């Protein structure tokens, strides 16, 4: 009979973990410019953890970085992200990047159609 309460507690802990993960997000700085005489310009977008973030139109950028301490309901040091050229997330646009290692894409602006962030 003691097994049912133990199973219930395990299920409740699992459900709580899912709830936190489902509401987790991180700020990503999309940076373009910064070459030649032009200063770098940064646009911050919120990316939900585990969900592909697509953009209306495409972003052109030279690098991508996690916004330090701009995460919600997740430890941002446990996250990794990857950019994709297309909105469907099929064509890789960057190597994986983390809080301590931004994605340095190119000295020329490249197209980013989507970003996926996940816990590692």
PDB file of N, CA and C in Angstrom:
ATOM      1  N   UNK A   1       0.805  -1.203   0.000  1.00  0.00           N
ATOM      2  CA  UNK A   1       0.000   0.000   0.000  1.00  0.00           C
ATOM      3  C   UNK A   1       0.854   1.275   0.000  1.00  0.00           C
ATOM      4  N   UNK A   2       2.080   1.193   0.513  1.00  0.00           N
ATOM      5  CA  UNK A   2       2.952   2.361   0.541  1.00  0.00           C
ATOM      6  C   UNK A   2       3.453   2.734  -0.857  1.00  0.00           C
ATOM      7  N   UNK A   3       3.284   1.830  -1.815  1.00  0.00           N
ATOM      8  CA  UNK A   3       3.799   2.065  -3.158  1.00  0.00           C
ATOM      9  C   UNK A   3       3.022   3.165  -3.879  1.00  0.00           C
ATOM     10  N   UNK A   4       1.732   3.271  -3.668  1.00  0.00           N
ATOM     11  CA  UNK A   4       0.914   4.270  -4.361  1.00  0.00           C
ATOM     12  C   UNK A   4       1.338   5.691  -3.989  1.00  0.00           C
ATOM     13  N   UNK A   5       1.504   6.046  -2.709  1.00  0.00           N
ATOM     14  CA  UNK A   5       1.961   7.405  -2.401  1.00  0.00           C
ATOM     15  C   UNK A   5       3.340   7.707  -2.993  1.00  0.00           C
ATOM     16  N   UNK A   6       4.228   6.729  -3.005  1.00  0.00           N
ATOM     17  CA  UNK A   6       5.558   6.950  -3.576  1.00  0.00           C
ATOM     18  C   UNK A   6       5.455   7.222  -5.070  1.00  0.00           C
ATOM     19  N   UNK A   7       4.622   6.475  -5.769  1.00  0.00           N
ATOM     20  CA  UNK A   7       4.425   6.699  -7.199  1.00  0.00           C
ATOM     21  C   UNK A   7       3.801   8.062  -7.451  1.00  0.00           C
ATOM     22  N   UNK A   8       2.863   8.444  -6.596  1.00  0.00           N
ATOM     23  CA  UNK A   8       2.219   9.744  -6.735  1.00  0.00           C
ATOM     24  C   UNK A   8       3.238  10.871  -6.564  1.00  0.00           C
ATOM     25  N   UNK A   9       4.120  10.746  -5.587  1.00  0.00           N
ATOM     26  CA  UNK A   9       5.158  11.757  -5.381  1.00  0.00           C
ATOM     27  C   UNK A   9       6.108  11.830  -6.575  1.00  0.00           C
ATOM     28  N   UNK A  10       6.471  10.680  -7.135  1.00  0.00           N
ATOM     29  CA  UNK A  10       7.345  10.671  -8.306  1.00  0.00           C
ATOM     30  C   UNK A  10       6.665  11.350  -9.489  1.00  0.00           C
ATOM     31  N   UNK A  11       5.376  11.068  -9.682  1.00  0.00           N
ATOM     32  CA  UNK A  11       4.634  11.681 -10.784  1.00  0.00           C
ATOM     33  C   UNK A  11       4.544  13.191 -10.595  1.00  0.00           C
ATOM     34  N   UNK A  12       4.287  13.636  -9.358  1.00  0.00           N
ATOM     35  CA  UNK A  12       4.182  15.067  -9.092  1.00  0.00           C
ATOM     36  C   UNK A  12       5.516  15.770  -9.360  1.00  0.00           C
ATOM     37  N   UNK A  13       6.630  15.141  -8.995  1.00  0.00           N
ATOM     38  CA  UNK A  13       7.946  15.737  -9.258  1.00  0.00           C
ATOM     39  C   UNK A  13       8.201  15.823 -10.756  1.00  0.00           C
ATOM     40  N   UNK A  14       7.829  14.769 -11.495  1.00  0.00           N
ATOM     41  CA  UNK A  14       7.992  14.764 -12.952  1.00  0.00           C
ATOM     42  C   UNK A  14       7.131  15.855 -13.582  1.00  0.00           C
ATOM     43  N   UNK A  15       5.889  15.989 -13.136  1.00  0.00           N
ATOM     44  CA  UNK A  15       4.984  17.011 -13.676  1.00  0.00           C
ATOM     45  C   UNK A  15       5.516  18.413 -13.380  1.00  0.00           C
ATOM     46  N   UNK A  16       6.075  18.615 -12.208  1.00  0.00           N
ATOM     47  CA  UNK A  16       6.641  19.929 -11.868  1.00  0.00           C
ATOM     48  C   UNK A  16       7.829  20.255 -12.766  1.00  0.00           C
ATOM     49  N   UNK A  17       8.649  19.259 -13.065  1.00  0.00           N
ATOM     50  CA  UNK A  17       9.784  19.468 -13.968  1.00  0.00           C
ATOM     51  C   UNK A  17       9.304  19.864 -15.349  1.00  0.00           C
ATOM     52  N   UNK A  18       8.272  19.197 -15.846  1.00  0.00           N
ATOM     53  CA  UNK A  18       7.721  19.536 -17.155  1.00  0.00           C
ATOM     54  C   UNK A  18       7.170  20.951 -17.170  1.00  0.00           C
ATOM     55  N   UNK A  19       6.496  21.342 -16.103  1.00  0.00           N
ATOM     56  CA  UNK A  19       5.911  22.681 -16.048  1.00  0.00           C
ATOM     57  C   UNK A  19       7.001  23.746 -16.118  1.00  0.00           C
ATOM     58  N   UNK A  20       8.105  23.538 -15.412  1.00  0.00           N
ATOM     59  CA  UNK A  20       9.198  24.508 -15.446  1.00  0.00           C
ATOM     60  C   UNK A  20       9.815  24.555 -16.835  1.00  0.00           C
ATOM     61  N   UNK A  21      10.068  23.380 -17.422  1.00  0.00           N
ATOM     62  CA  UNK A  21      10.680  23.321 -18.743  1.00  0.00           C
ATOM     63  C   UNK A  21       9.784  23.963 -19.787  1.00  0.00           C
ATOM     64  N   UNK A  22       8.471  23.737 -19.697  1.00  0.00           N
ATOM     65  CA  UNK A  22       7.556  24.284 -20.690  1.00  0.00           C
ATOM     66  C   UNK A  22       7.486  25.804 -20.646  1.00  0.00           C
ATOM     67  N   UNK A  23       7.774  26.411 -19.512  1.00  0.00           N
ATOM     68  CA  UNK A  23       7.703  27.863 -19.390  1.00  0.00           C
ATOM     69  C   UNK A  23       9.081  28.513 -19.393  1.00  0.00           C
ATOM     70  N   UNK A  24      10.114  27.763 -19.735  1.00  0.00           N
ATOM     71  CA  UNK A  24      11.477  28.281 -19.689  1.00  0.00           C
ATOM     72  C   UNK A  24      11.825  29.000 -20.983  1.00  0.00           C
ATOM     73  N   UNK A  25      12.632  30.059 -20.847  1.00  0.00           N
ATOM     74  CA  UNK A  25      13.061  30.809 -22.029  1.00  0.00           C
ATOM     75  C   UNK A  25      14.411  31.463 -21.756  1.00  0.00           C
ATOM     76  N   UNK A  26      15.045  31.917 -22.825  1.00  0.00           N
ATOM     77  CA  UNK A  26      16.338  32.596 -22.739  1.00  0.00           C
ATOM     78  C   UNK A  26      16.343  33.748 -23.736  1.00  0.00           C
ATOM     79  N   UNK A  27      17.008  34.825 -23.396  1.00  0.00           N
ATOM     80  CA  UNK A  27      17.187  35.930 -24.332  1.00  0.00           C
ATOM     81  C   UNK A  27      18.392  35.661 -25.224  1.00  0.00           C
ATOM     82  N   UNK A  28      18.229  35.857 -26.517  1.00  0.00           N
ATOM     83  CA  UNK A  28      19.316  35.685 -27.477  1.00  0.00           C
ATOM     84  C   UNK A  28      19.573  37.031 -28.146  1.00  0.00           C
ATOM     85  N   UNK A  29      20.822  37.464 -28.129  1.00  0.00           N
ATOM     86  CA  UNK A  29      21.207  38.697 -28.815  1.00  0.00           C
ATOM     87  C   UNK A  29      21.633  38.352 -30.235  1.00  0.00           C
ATOM     88  N   UNK A  30      20.912  38.905 -31.205  1.00  0.00           N
ATOM     89  CA  UNK A  30      21.226  38.733 -32.618  1.00  0.00           C
ATOM     90  C   UNK A  30      22.009  39.974 -33.029  1.00  0.00           C
ATOM     91  N   UNK A  31      23.275  39.786 -33.374  1.00  0.00           N
ATOM     92  CA  UNK A  31      24.183  40.910 -33.589  1.00  0.00           C
ATOM     93  C   UNK A  31      24.546  41.001 -35.067  1.00  0.00           C
ATOM     94  N   UNK A  32      24.473  42.204 -35.591  1.00  0.00           N
ATOM     95  CA  UNK A  32      24.898  42.407 -36.972  1.00  0.00           C
ATOM     96  C   UNK A  32      25.699  43.690 -37.057  1.00  0.00           C
ATOM     97  N   UNK A  33      26.533  43.760 -38.063  1.00  0.00           N
ATOM     98  CA  UNK A  33      27.443  44.895 -38.176  1.00  0.00           C
ATOM     99  C   UNK A  33      28.682  44.652 -37.350  1.00  0.00           C
ATOM    100  N   UNK A  34      29.317  45.739 -36.956  1.00  0.00           N
ATOM    101  CA  UNK A  34      30.526  45.636 -36.158  1.00  0.00           C
ATOM    102  C   UNK A  34      31.770  45.375 -36.984  1.00  0.00           C
ATOM    103  N   UNK A  35      31.631  45.477 -38.287  1.00  0.00           N
ATOM    104  CA  UNK A  35      32.796  45.319 -39.156  1.00  0.00           C
ATOM    105  C   UNK A  35      33.078  46.657 -39.818  1.00  0.00           C
ATOM    106  N   UNK A  36      34.276  46.853 -40.198  1.00  0.00           N
ATOM    107  CA  UNK A  36      34.692  48.085 -40.867  1.00  0.00           C
ATOM    108  C   UNK A  36      34.434  49.284 -39.967  1.00  0.00           C
ATOM    109  N   UNK A  37      33.731  50.280 -40.474  1.00  0.00           N
ATOM    110  CA  UNK A  37      33.477  51.500 -39.710  1.00  0.00           C
ATOM    111  C   UNK A  37      32.128  51.503 -39.009  1.00  0.00           C
ATOM    112  N   UNK A  38      31.340  50.458 -39.199  1.00  0.00           N
ATOM    113  CA  UNK A  38      29.984  50.441 -38.657  1.00  0.00           C
ATOM    114  C   UNK A  38      29.958  49.788 -37.279  1.00  0.00           C
ATOM    115  N   UNK A  39      29.287  50.405 -36.309  1.00  0.00           N
ATOM    116  CA  UNK A  39      29.185  49.784 -34.988  1.00  0.00           C
ATOM    117  C   UNK A  39      28.225  48.590 -35.028  1.00  0.00           C
ATOM    118  N   UNK A  40      28.446  47.649 -34.135  1.00  0.00           N
ATOM    119  CA  UNK A  40      27.561  46.486 -34.042  1.00  0.00           C
ATOM    120  C   UNK A  40      26.206  46.907 -33.497  1.00  0.00           C
ATOM    121  N   UNK A  41      25.161  46.304 -34.021  1.00  0.00           N
ATOM    122  CA  UNK A  41      23.791  46.536 -33.567  1.00  0.00           C
ATOM    123  C   UNK A  41      23.252  45.204 -33.068  1.00  0.00           C
ATOM    124  N   UNK A  42      22.549  45.232 -31.946  1.00  0.00           N
ATOM    125  CA  UNK A  42      22.048  44.002 -31.338  1.00  0.00           C
ATOM    126  C   UNK A  42      20.538  44.072 -31.162  1.00  0.00           C
ATOM    127  N   UNK A  43      19.868  42.979 -31.497  1.00  0.00           N
ATOM    128  CA  UNK A  43      18.427  42.841 -31.285  1.00  0.00           C
ATOM    129  C   UNK A  43      18.232  41.632 -30.380  1.00  0.00           C
ATOM    130  N   UNK A  44      17.509  41.790 -29.274  1.00  0.00           N
ATOM    131  CA  UNK A  44      17.279  40.676 -28.355  1.00  0.00           C
ATOM    132  C   UNK A  44      15.930  40.030 -28.648  1.00  0.00           C
ATOM    133  N   UNK A  45      15.955  38.708 -28.788  1.00  0.00           N
ATOM    134  CA  UNK A  45      14.744  37.920 -29.002  1.00  0.00           C
ATOM    135  C   UNK A  45      14.644  36.875 -27.904  1.00  0.00           C
ATOM    136  N   UNK A  46      13.426  36.590 -27.457  1.00  0.00           N
ATOM    137  CA  UNK A  46      13.194  35.550 -26.464  1.00  0.00           C
ATOM    138  C   UNK A  46      12.939  34.231 -27.177  1.00  0.00           C
ATOM    139  N   UNK A  47      13.660  33.196 -26.757  1.00  0.00           N
ATOM    140  CA  UNK A  47      13.519  31.865 -27.341  1.00  0.00           C
ATOM    141  C   UNK A  47      13.046  30.917 -26.246  1.00  0.00           C
ATOM    142  N   UNK A  48      11.902  30.257 -26.458  1.00  0.00           N
ATOM    143  CA  UNK A  48      11.403  29.259 -25.511  1.00  0.00           C
ATOM    144  C   UNK A  48      12.265  28.008 -25.614  1.00  0.00           C
ATOM    145  N   UNK A  49      12.628  27.442 -24.470  1.00  0.00           N
ATOM    146  CA  UNK A  49      13.495  26.273 -24.443  1.00  0.00           C
ATOM    147  C   UNK A  49      12.751  25.067 -25.012  1.00  0.00           C
ATOM    148  N   UNK A  50      13.390  24.376 -25.947  1.00  0.00           N
ATOM    149  CA  UNK A  50      12.814  23.172 -26.543  1.00  0.00           C
ATOM    150  C   UNK A  50      11.872  23.424 -27.699  1.00  0.00           C
ATOM    151  N   UNK A  51      11.640  24.698 -28.046  1.00  0.00           N
ATOM    152  CA  UNK A  51      10.758  25.036 -29.166  1.00  0.00           C
ATOM    153  C   UNK A  51      11.527  25.854 -30.193  1.00  0.00           C
ATOM    154  N   UNK A  52      11.385  25.482 -31.455  1.00  0.00           N
ATOM    155  CA  UNK A  52      12.055  26.207 -32.528  1.00  0.00           C
ATOM    156  C   UNK A  52      11.455  27.604 -32.637  1.00  0.00           C
ATOM    157  N   UNK A  53      12.295  28.624 -32.502  1.00  0.00           N
ATOM    158  CA  UNK A  53      11.863  30.021 -32.636  1.00  0.00           C
ATOM    159  C   UNK A  53      12.081  30.430 -34.083  1.00  0.00           C
ATOM    160  N   UNK A  54      10.988  30.717 -34.777  1.00  0.00           N
ATOM    161  CA  UNK A  54      11.098  31.171 -36.159  1.00  0.00           C
ATOM    162  C   UNK A  54      10.884  32.673 -36.193  1.00  0.00           C
ATOM    163  N   UNK A  55      11.369  33.292 -37.242  1.00  0.00           N
ATOM    164  CA  UNK A  55      11.292  34.735 -37.358  1.00  0.00           C
ATOM    165  C   UNK A  55      10.415  35.123 -38.531  1.00  0.00           C
ATOM    166  N   UNK A  56       9.631  36.184 -38.349  1.00  0.00           N
ATOM    167  CA  UNK A  56       8.856  36.756 -39.451  1.00  0.00           C
ATOM    168  C   UNK A  56       9.858  37.438 -40.363  1.00  0.00           C
ATOM    169  N   UNK A  57      10.016  36.903 -41.535  1.00  0.00           N
ATOM    170  CA  UNK A  57      11.115  37.369 -42.369  1.00  0.00           C
ATOM    171  C   UNK A  57      12.378  36.721 -41.857  1.00  0.00           C
ATOM    172  N   UNK A  58      13.499  37.165 -42.312  1.00  0.00           N
ATOM    173  CA  UNK A  58      14.755  36.573 -41.891  1.00  0.00           C
ATOM    174  C   UNK A  58      15.634  37.633 -41.252  1.00  0.00           C
ATOM    175  N   UNK A  59      16.450  37.198 -40.304  1.00  0.00           N
ATOM    176  CA  UNK A  59      17.433  38.079 -39.693  1.00  0.00           C
ATOM    177  C   UNK A  59      18.763  37.889 -40.387  1.00  0.00           C
ATOM    178  N   UNK A  60      19.456  38.975 -40.582  1.00  0.00           N
ATOM    179  CA  UNK A  60      20.814  38.928 -41.093  1.00  0.00           C
ATOM    180  C   UNK A  60      21.722  39.269 -39.922  1.00  0.00           C
ATOM    181  N   UNK A  61      22.721  38.450 -39.669  1.00  0.00           N
ATOM    182  CA  UNK A  61      23.567  38.711 -38.507  1.00  0.00           C
ATOM    183  C   UNK A  61      24.992  38.237 -38.747  1.00  0.00           C
ATOM    184  N   UNK A  62      25.882  38.693 -37.871  1.00  0.00           N
ATOM    185  CA  UNK A  62      27.281  38.285 -37.919  1.00  0.00           C
ATOM    186  C   UNK A  62      27.639  37.380 -36.743  1.00  0.00           C
ATOM    187  N   UNK A  63      26.859  37.459 -35.649  1.00  0.00           N
ATOM    188  CA  UNK A  63      27.087  36.580 -34.502  1.00  0.00           C
ATOM    189  C   UNK A  63      25.823  36.477 -33.656  1.00  0.00           C
ATOM    190  N   UNK A  64      25.795  35.458 -32.801  1.00  0.00           N
ATOM    191  CA  UNK A  64      24.676  35.214 -31.890  1.00  0.00           C
ATOM    192  C   UNK A  64      25.243  34.956 -30.504  1.00  0.00           C
ATOM    193  N   UNK A  65      24.567  35.461 -29.473  1.00  0.00           N
ATOM    194  CA  UNK A  65      25.043  35.259 -28.104  1.00  0.00           C
ATOM    195  C   UNK A  65      23.858  35.154 -27.160  1.00  0.00           C
ATOM    196  N   UNK A  66      24.003  34.310 -26.135  1.00  0.00           N
ATOM    197  CA  UNK A  66      22.992  34.262 -25.081  1.00  0.00           C
ATOM    198  C   UNK A  66      23.118  35.528 -24.257  1.00  0.00           C
ATOM    199  N   UNK A  67      21.996  36.108 -23.911  1.00  0.00           N
ATOM    200  CA  UNK A  67      21.988  37.295 -23.059  1.00  0.00           C
ATOM    201  C   UNK A  67      22.216  36.834 -21.621  1.00  0.00           C
ATOM    202  N   UNK A  68      23.339  37.185 -21.051  1.00  0.00           N
ATOM    203  CA  UNK A  68      23.720  36.733 -19.718  1.00  0.00           C
ATOM    204  C   UNK A  68      22.640  37.044 -18.692  1.00  0.00           C
ATOM    205  N   UNK A  69      22.274  36.035 -17.945  1.00  0.00           N
ATOM    206  CA  UNK A  69      21.279  36.151 -16.870  1.00  0.00           C
ATOM    207  C   UNK A  69      19.904  36.579 -17.360  1.00  0.00           C
ATOM    208  N   UNK A  70      19.570  36.351 -18.612  1.00  0.00           N
ATOM    209  CA  UNK A  70      18.251  36.714 -19.135  1.00  0.00           C
ATOM    210  C   UNK A  70      17.419  35.465 -19.411  1.00  0.00           C
ATOM    211  N   UNK A  71      17.479  34.501 -18.500  1.00  0.00           N
ATOM    212  CA  UNK A  71      16.690  33.284 -18.656  1.00  0.00           C
ATOM    213  C   UNK A  71      15.537  33.296 -17.662  1.00  0.00           C
ATOM    214  N   UNK A  72      14.495  32.560 -18.002  1.00  0.00           N
ATOM    215  CA  UNK A  72      13.314  32.444 -17.147  1.00  0.00           C
ATOM    216  C   UNK A  72      13.081  30.962 -16.869  1.00  0.00           C
ATOM    217  N   UNK A  73      13.002  30.585 -15.599  1.00  0.00           N
ATOM    218  CA  UNK A  73      12.689  29.225 -15.159  1.00  0.00           C
ATOM    219  C   UNK A  73      13.693  28.170 -15.606  1.00  0.00           C
ATOM    220  N   UNK A  74      14.929  28.559 -15.848  1.00  0.00           N
ATOM    221  CA  UNK A  74      15.962  27.583 -16.212  1.00  0.00           C
ATOM    222  C   UNK A  74      17.332  28.198 -15.921  1.00  0.00           C
ATOM    223  N   UNK A  75      18.278  27.353 -15.531  1.00  0.00           N
ATOM    224  CA  UNK A  75      19.653  27.808 -15.309  1.00  0.00           C
ATOM    225  C   UNK A  75      20.304  28.006 -16.670  1.00  0.00           C
ATOM    226  N   UNK A  76      20.601  29.233 -17.016  1.00  0.00           N
ATOM    227  CA  UNK A  76      21.101  29.545 -18.352  1.00  0.00           C
ATOM    228  C   UNK A  76      22.458  28.931 -18.638  1.00  0.00           C
ATOM    229  N   UNK A  77      23.190  28.521 -17.596  1.00  0.00           N
ATOM    230  CA  UNK A  77      24.481  27.870 -17.832  1.00  0.00           C
ATOM    231  C   UNK A  77      24.319  26.434 -18.316  1.00  0.00           C
ATOM    232  N   UNK A  78      23.099  25.889 -18.278  1.00  0.00           N
ATOM    233  CA  UNK A  78      22.840  24.521 -18.745  1.00  0.00           C
ATOM    234  C   UNK A  78      22.295  24.485 -20.167  1.00  0.00           C
ATOM    235  N   UNK A  79      22.202  25.640 -20.814  1.00  0.00           N
ATOM    236  CA  UNK A  79      21.569  25.710 -22.134  1.00  0.00           C
ATOM    237  C   UNK A  79      22.585  25.721 -23.271  1.00  0.00           C
ATOM    238  N   UNK A  80      22.119  25.229 -24.412  1.00  0.00           N
ATOM    239  CA  UNK A  80      22.871  25.301 -25.660  1.00  0.00           C
ATOM    240  C   UNK A  80      21.878  25.669 -26.745  1.00  0.00           C
ATOM    241  N   UNK A  81      22.309  26.444 -27.723  1.00  0.00           N
ATOM    242  CA  UNK A  81      21.426  26.862 -28.814  1.00  0.00           C
ATOM    243  C   UNK A  81      22.119  26.621 -30.149  1.00  0.00           C
ATOM    244  N   UNK A  82      21.321  26.574 -31.203  1.00  0.00           N
ATOM    245  CA  UNK A  82      21.843  26.451 -32.565  1.00  0.00           C
ATOM    246  C   UNK A  82      20.927  27.255 -33.476  1.00  0.00           C
ATOM    247  N   UNK A  83      21.534  27.971 -34.402  1.00  0.00           N
ATOM    248  CA  UNK A  83      20.772  28.732 -35.395  1.00  0.00           C
ATOM    249  C   UNK A  83      20.633  27.905 -36.666  1.00  0.00           C
ATOM    250  N   UNK A  84      19.553  28.180 -37.389  1.00  0.00           N
ATOM    251  CA  UNK A  84      19.285  27.518 -38.662  1.00  0.00           C
ATOM    252  C   UNK A  84      19.046  28.572 -39.733  1.00  0.00           C
ATOM    253  N   UNK A  85      19.413  28.251 -40.947  1.00  0.00           N
ATOM    254  CA  UNK A  85      19.236  29.171 -42.064  1.00  0.00           C
ATOM    255  C   UNK A  85      17.761  29.315 -42.407  1.00  0.00           C
ATOM    256  N   UNK A  86      17.031  28.208 -42.340  1.00  0.00           N
ATOM    257  CA  UNK A  86      15.620  28.200 -42.728  1.00  0.00           C
ATOM    258  C   UNK A  86      14.714  28.233 -41.502  1.00  0.00           C
ATOM    259  N   UNK A  87      13.452  28.592 -41.712  1.00  0.00           N
ATOM    260  CA  UNK A  87      12.475  28.671 -40.622  1.00  0.00           C
ATOM    261  C   UNK A  87      12.085  27.290 -40.099  1.00  0.00           C
ATOM    262  N   UNK A  88      12.253  26.239 -40.903  1.00  0.00           N
ATOM    263  CA  UNK A  88      11.875  24.884 -40.490  1.00  0.00           C
ATOM    264  C   UNK A  88      12.931  24.221 -39.610  1.00  0.00           C
ATOM    265  N   UNK A  89      14.103  24.820 -39.486  1.00  0.00           N
ATOM    266  CA  UNK A  89      15.155  24.244 -38.660  1.00  0.00           C
ATOM    267  C   UNK A  89      15.820  23.028 -39.283  1.00  0.00           C
ATOM    268  N   UNK A  90      15.951  23.020 -40.601  1.00  0.00           N
ATOM    269  CA  UNK A  90      16.555  21.884 -41.300  1.00  0.00           C
ATOM    270  C   UNK A  90      17.992  22.147 -41.735  1.00  0.00           C
ATOM    271  N   UNK A  91      18.298  23.389 -42.109  1.00  0.00           N
ATOM    272  CA  UNK A  91      19.634  23.740 -42.597  1.00  0.00           C
ATOM    273  C   UNK A  91      20.410  24.464 -41.497  1.00  0.00           C
ATOM    274  N   UNK A  92      21.441  23.824 -40.980  1.00  0.00           N
ATOM    275  CA  UNK A  92      22.223  24.423 -39.894  1.00  0.00           C
ATOM    276  C   UNK A  92      22.859  25.734 -40.336  1.00  0.00           C
ATOM    277  N   UNK A  93      22.733  26.715 -39.462  1.00  0.00           N
ATOM    278  CA  UNK A  93      23.308  28.025 -39.746  1.00  0.00           C
ATOM    279  C   UNK A  93      24.438  28.389 -38.805  1.00  0.00           C
ATOM    280  N   UNK A  94      24.595  27.598 -37.730  1.00  0.00           N
ATOM    281  CA  UNK A  94      25.683  27.855 -36.784  1.00  0.00           C
ATOM    282  C   UNK A  94      26.048  26.566 -36.074  1.00  0.00           C
ATOM    283  N   UNK A  95      27.226  26.570 -35.496  1.00  0.00           N
ATOM    284  CA  UNK A  95      27.589  25.518 -34.553  1.00  0.00           C
ATOM    285  C   UNK A  95      26.800  25.781 -33.275  1.00  0.00           C
ATOM    286  N   UNK A  96      26.665  24.790 -32.394  1.00  0.00           N
ATOM    287  CA  UNK A  96      26.005  25.058 -31.113  1.00  0.00           C
ATOM    288  C   UNK A  96      26.755  26.155 -30.352  1.00  0.00           C
ATOM    289  N   UNK A  97      25.988  27.011 -29.660  1.00  0.00           N
ATOM    290  CA  UNK A  97      26.624  28.045 -28.845  1.00  0.00           C
ATOM    291  C   UNK A  97      26.019  28.043 -27.465  1.00  0.00           C
ATOM    292  N   UNK A  98      26.812  28.510 -26.491  1.00  0.00           N
ATOM    293  CA  UNK A  98      26.424  28.512 -25.084  1.00  0.00           C
ATOM    294  C   UNK A  98      26.680  29.885 -24.489  1.00  0.00           C
ATOM    295  N   UNK A  99      26.394  30.015 -23.193  1.00  0.00           N
ATOM    296  CA  UNK A  99      26.543  31.305 -22.512  1.00  0.00           C
ATOM    297  C   UNK A  99      27.980  31.817 -22.550  1.00  0.00           C
ATOM    298  N   UNK A 100      28.945  30.910 -22.586  1.00  0.00           N
ATOM    299  CA  UNK A 100      30.346  31.325 -22.553  1.00  0.00           C
ATOM    300  C   UNK A 100      31.042  31.244 -23.913  1.00  0.00           C
ATOM    301  N   UNK A 101      30.286  30.901 -24.957  1.00  0.00           N
ATOM    302  CA  UNK A 101      30.892  30.815 -26.294  1.00  0.00           C
ATOM    303  C   UNK A 101      29.854  31.184 -27.351  1.00  0.00           C
ATOM    304  N   UNK A 102      29.836  32.437 -27.786  1.00  0.00           N
ATOM    305  CA  UNK A 102      28.861  32.868 -28.795  1.00  0.00           C
ATOM    306  C   UNK A 102      29.140  32.211 -30.144  1.00  0.00           C
ATOM    307  N   UNK A 103      28.156  32.276 -31.017  1.00  0.00           N
ATOM    308  CA  UNK A 103      28.316  31.776 -32.384  1.00  0.00           C
ATOM    309  C   UNK A 103      28.836  32.922 -33.238  1.00  0.00           C
ATOM    310  N   UNK A 104      30.072  32.809 -33.676  1.00  0.00           N
ATOM    311  CA  UNK A 104      30.674  33.806 -34.557  1.00  0.00           C
ATOM    312  C   UNK A 104      30.472  33.304 -35.979  1.00  0.00           C
ATOM    313  N   UNK A 105      29.517  33.889 -36.686  1.00  0.00           N
ATOM    314  CA  UNK A 105      29.077  33.339 -37.965  1.00  0.00           C
ATOM    315  C   UNK A 105      29.932  33.777 -39.140  1.00  0.00           C
ATOM    316  N   UNK A 106      30.158  35.069 -39.272  1.00  0.00           N
ATOM    317  CA  UNK A 106      30.868  35.574 -40.439  1.00  0.00           C
ATOM    318  C   UNK A 106      31.172  37.055 -40.244  1.00  0.00           C
ATOM    319  N   UNK A 107      32.136  37.571 -41.002  1.00  0.00           N
ATOM    320  CA  UNK A 107      32.351  39.015 -40.998  1.00  0.00           C
ATOM    321  C   UNK A 107      31.327  39.695 -41.906  1.00  0.00           C
ATOM    322  N   UNK A 108      30.711  38.917 -42.785  1.00  0.00           N
ATOM    323  CA  UNK A 108      29.584  39.395 -43.592  1.00  0.00           C
ATOM    324  C   UNK A 108      28.302  38.900 -42.944  1.00  0.00           C
ATOM    325  N   UNK A 109      27.223  39.622 -43.121  1.00  0.00           N
ATOM    326  CA  UNK A 109      25.953  39.209 -42.529  1.00  0.00           C
ATOM    327  C   UNK A 109      25.425  37.969 -43.236  1.00  0.00           C
ATOM    328  N   UNK A 110      24.925  37.009 -42.437  1.00  0.00           N
ATOM    329  CA  UNK A 110      24.341  35.782 -42.970  1.00  0.00           C
ATOM    330  C   UNK A 110      22.892  35.683 -42.515  1.00  0.00           C
ATOM    331  N   UNK A 111      22.117  34.871 -43.209  1.00  0.00           N
ATOM    332  CA  UNK A 111      20.686  34.728 -42.928  1.00  0.00           C
ATOM    333  C   UNK A 111      20.459  33.728 -41.800  1.00  0.00           C
ATOM    334  N   UNK A 112      19.594  34.099 -40.857  1.00  0.00           N
ATOM    335  CA  UNK A 112      19.137  33.200 -39.802  1.00  0.00           C
ATOM    336  C   UNK A 112      17.614  33.160 -39.868  1.00  0.00           C
ATOM    337  N   UNK A 113      17.051  31.967 -40.045  1.00  0.00           N
ATOM    338  CA  UNK A 113      15.600  31.819 -40.130  1.00  0.00           C
ATOM    339  C   UNK A 113      14.968  31.316 -38.849  1.00  0.00           C
ATOM    340  N   UNK A 114      15.764  30.640 -37.987  1.00  0.00           N
ATOM    341  CA  UNK A 114      15.222  30.106 -36.741  1.00  0.00           C
ATOM    342  C   UNK A 114      16.356  29.776 -35.777  1.00  0.00           C
ATOM    343  N   UNK A 115      15.986  29.632 -34.494  1.00  0.00           N
ATOM    344  CA  UNK A 115      16.935  29.264 -33.440  1.00  0.00           C
ATOM    345  C   UNK A 115      16.254  28.252 -32.532  1.00  0.00           C
ATOM    346  N   UNK A 116      17.011  27.238 -32.119  1.00  0.00           N
ATOM    347  CA  UNK A 116      16.528  26.241 -31.167  1.00  0.00           C
ATOM    348  C   UNK A 116      17.472  26.228 -29.973  1.00  0.00           C
ATOM    349  N   UNK A 117      16.908  26.352 -28.757  1.00  0.00           N
ATOM    350  CA  UNK A 117      17.687  26.260 -27.521  1.00  0.00           C
ATOM    351  C   UNK A 117      17.175  25.077 -26.714  1.00  0.00           C
ATOM    352  N   UNK A 118      18.077  24.396 -26.025  1.00  0.00           N
ATOM    353  CA  UNK A 118      17.727  23.177 -25.306  1.00  0.00           C
ATOM    354  C   UNK A 118      18.682  23.007 -24.129  1.00  0.00           C
ATOM    355  N   UNK A 119      18.274  22.194 -23.157  1.00  0.00           N
ATOM    356  CA  UNK A 119      19.095  21.903 -21.983  1.00  0.00           C
ATOM    357  C   UNK A 119      20.065  20.788 -22.348  1.00  0.00           C
ATOM    358  N   UNK A 120      21.335  20.964 -21.978  1.00  0.00           N
ATOM    359  CA  UNK A 120      22.343  19.922 -22.246  1.00  0.00           C
ATOM    360  C   UNK A 120      22.742  19.223 -20.964  1.00  0.00           C
TER     361      UNK A 120
END
